[in-house]
Protein backbone atom coordinates (compact mmCIF):
# COMPACT_ATOMS: atom_id res chain seq x y z
CA MET A 1 79.11 -88.71 39.14
CA THR A 2 77.40 -89.57 35.89
CA LEU A 3 73.73 -90.01 35.27
CA VAL A 4 72.62 -93.58 34.77
CA LEU A 5 69.65 -94.44 32.63
CA ASP A 6 68.43 -97.98 32.59
CA THR A 7 67.76 -98.03 28.86
CA LEU A 8 66.55 -101.62 28.88
CA ALA A 9 63.87 -100.84 31.48
CA TYR A 10 62.98 -97.65 29.62
CA VAL A 11 62.61 -99.52 26.30
CA ARG A 12 60.38 -102.14 28.00
CA GLN A 13 58.21 -99.39 29.50
CA LEU A 14 57.85 -97.64 26.12
CA LYS A 15 56.99 -100.94 24.37
CA ALA A 16 54.38 -101.63 27.06
CA SER A 17 52.90 -98.21 26.26
CA GLY A 18 52.51 -99.09 22.59
CA PHE A 19 55.80 -98.02 21.00
CA THR A 20 57.51 -100.31 18.52
CA GLU A 21 60.89 -101.82 19.40
CA ALA A 22 62.67 -99.42 17.01
CA GLN A 23 60.81 -96.37 18.37
CA ALA A 24 61.47 -97.33 21.99
CA GLU A 25 65.19 -97.93 21.33
CA GLY A 26 65.48 -94.64 19.39
CA LEU A 27 63.86 -92.69 22.21
CA ALA A 28 66.02 -94.43 24.82
CA ASP A 29 69.20 -93.66 22.87
CA ALA A 30 68.14 -90.03 22.36
CA LEU A 31 67.28 -89.56 26.04
CA ALA A 32 70.55 -91.17 27.13
CA ALA A 33 72.50 -88.83 24.83
CA VAL A 34 70.69 -85.75 26.16
CA MET A 35 71.21 -86.81 29.76
CA THR A 36 74.89 -87.46 29.21
CA ASP A 37 75.64 -84.26 27.29
CA ARG A 38 73.33 -81.68 28.78
CA LEU A 39 72.15 -82.52 32.27
CA ALA A 40 74.12 -81.66 35.38
CA THR A 41 74.52 -84.20 38.12
CA LYS A 42 74.28 -83.41 41.81
CA GLU A 43 78.08 -83.61 41.90
CA ASP A 44 78.31 -81.09 39.02
CA VAL A 45 76.02 -78.71 40.92
CA ARG A 46 78.01 -79.18 44.15
CA VAL A 47 81.31 -78.46 42.38
CA LEU A 48 79.77 -75.43 40.72
CA LYS A 49 78.46 -74.15 44.07
CA ASP A 50 81.93 -74.62 45.57
CA ASP A 51 83.45 -72.67 42.67
CA VAL A 52 80.89 -69.89 43.09
CA GLY A 53 81.68 -69.76 46.82
CA VAL A 54 85.38 -69.39 46.07
CA LEU A 55 84.61 -66.65 43.53
CA LYS A 56 82.44 -64.82 46.06
CA ASP A 57 85.28 -64.96 48.57
CA ASP A 58 87.66 -63.62 45.92
CA VAL A 59 85.24 -60.78 45.13
CA ARG A 60 85.02 -59.90 48.84
CA VAL A 61 88.80 -59.81 49.08
CA LEU A 62 89.03 -57.67 45.95
CA LYS A 63 86.40 -55.26 47.30
CA ASP A 64 88.39 -54.94 50.52
CA ASP A 65 91.55 -54.34 48.50
CA VAL A 66 89.79 -51.66 46.47
CA ARG A 67 88.60 -49.97 49.67
CA VAL A 68 92.15 -49.99 51.03
CA LEU A 69 93.50 -48.61 47.75
CA LYS A 70 90.88 -45.86 47.72
CA ASP A 71 91.86 -44.90 51.26
CA ASP A 72 95.52 -44.91 50.23
CA VAL A 73 94.75 -42.70 47.24
CA ARG A 74 92.81 -40.28 49.46
CA GLY A 75 95.77 -40.16 51.83
CA LEU A 76 98.20 -39.58 48.97
CA LYS A 77 96.03 -36.80 47.61
CA GLY A 78 96.10 -35.15 51.04
CA ASP A 79 99.87 -35.57 51.20
CA LEU A 80 100.22 -34.02 47.76
CA ARG A 81 98.05 -31.06 48.75
CA GLY A 82 100.24 -30.54 51.81
CA LEU A 83 103.43 -30.82 49.79
CA ARG A 84 102.04 -28.43 47.19
CA GLU A 85 101.31 -25.85 49.89
CA GLU A 86 104.77 -26.32 51.42
CA LEU A 87 106.35 -25.90 48.00
CA LYS A 88 104.36 -22.72 47.37
CA ALA A 89 105.47 -21.35 50.75
CA ASP A 90 109.10 -22.25 49.99
CA ILE A 91 108.86 -20.53 46.59
CA ARG A 92 107.38 -17.41 48.18
CA ALA A 93 110.19 -17.38 50.77
CA LEU A 94 112.82 -17.75 48.05
CA GLU A 95 111.22 -14.99 46.00
CA HIS A 96 111.33 -12.73 49.06
CA LYS A 97 114.99 -13.57 49.68
CA ILE A 98 115.79 -12.85 46.02
CA GLU A 99 114.03 -9.48 46.31
CA GLN A 100 116.06 -8.69 49.44
CA VAL A 101 119.33 -9.64 47.71
CA GLU A 102 118.32 -7.52 44.72
CA LEU A 103 117.57 -4.54 46.97
CA ARG A 104 120.92 -4.90 48.80
CA THR A 105 122.75 -5.31 45.49
CA ASN A 106 121.09 -2.20 44.07
CA ALA A 107 121.91 -0.23 47.24
CA ALA A 108 125.56 -1.39 47.12
CA LEU A 109 125.76 -0.44 43.44
CA ALA A 110 124.32 2.98 44.22
CA GLN A 111 126.94 3.50 46.96
CA LEU A 112 129.70 2.42 44.59
CA GLU A 113 128.41 4.82 41.97
CA THR A 114 128.39 7.66 44.48
CA ARG A 115 131.93 6.86 45.66
CA LEU A 116 133.16 6.59 42.09
CA THR A 117 131.52 9.90 41.22
CA ILE A 118 133.23 11.55 44.21
CA ARG A 119 136.59 10.03 43.30
CA MET A 120 136.23 11.02 39.67
CA GLY A 121 135.30 14.54 40.76
CA ALA A 122 138.29 14.69 43.07
CA MET A 123 140.54 13.38 40.31
CA ALA A 124 139.12 15.90 37.87
CA ALA A 125 139.64 18.75 40.37
CA GLY A 126 143.18 17.55 41.03
CA THR A 127 143.86 17.39 37.32
CA VAL A 128 142.55 20.93 36.84
CA ALA A 129 144.67 22.15 39.76
CA LEU A 130 147.72 20.36 38.37
CA VAL A 131 147.17 21.77 34.89
CA THR A 132 146.67 25.25 36.35
CA ALA A 133 149.84 24.95 38.44
CA ILE A 134 151.83 23.73 35.42
CA ASP A 135 150.37 26.55 33.35
CA ARG A 136 151.45 29.19 35.92
CA LEU A 137 154.92 27.76 36.03
CA PHE A 138 155.47 28.21 32.35
């Protein structure tokens, strides 16, 4: 809706108040230009209010979305803390198993060393006995 100014009536009113024809027409033209360019109509205000209402609804929806996202982030942080603790426990368990394997490996190596020492000693004694027997024969 546009604003309507009855410029003819306005010019007549100004002339009746003592303005010249040129002054009255100049003022009427100036007022008409200002009203057309700068004043909002009731329809403009209604459309603007509708737009503001839509924006307010959008802001409410966005606020709700932000709340949901914050809750999701809090939940994810909790999940990550739980996963971190599980991972730490798994690492500790693996470290313990590695220590156990290392201990068994070291024990097995020690047994092998002992058996090899005994065998080498037996072989050395056998060699000495063989050399002694050969030496007595000749």
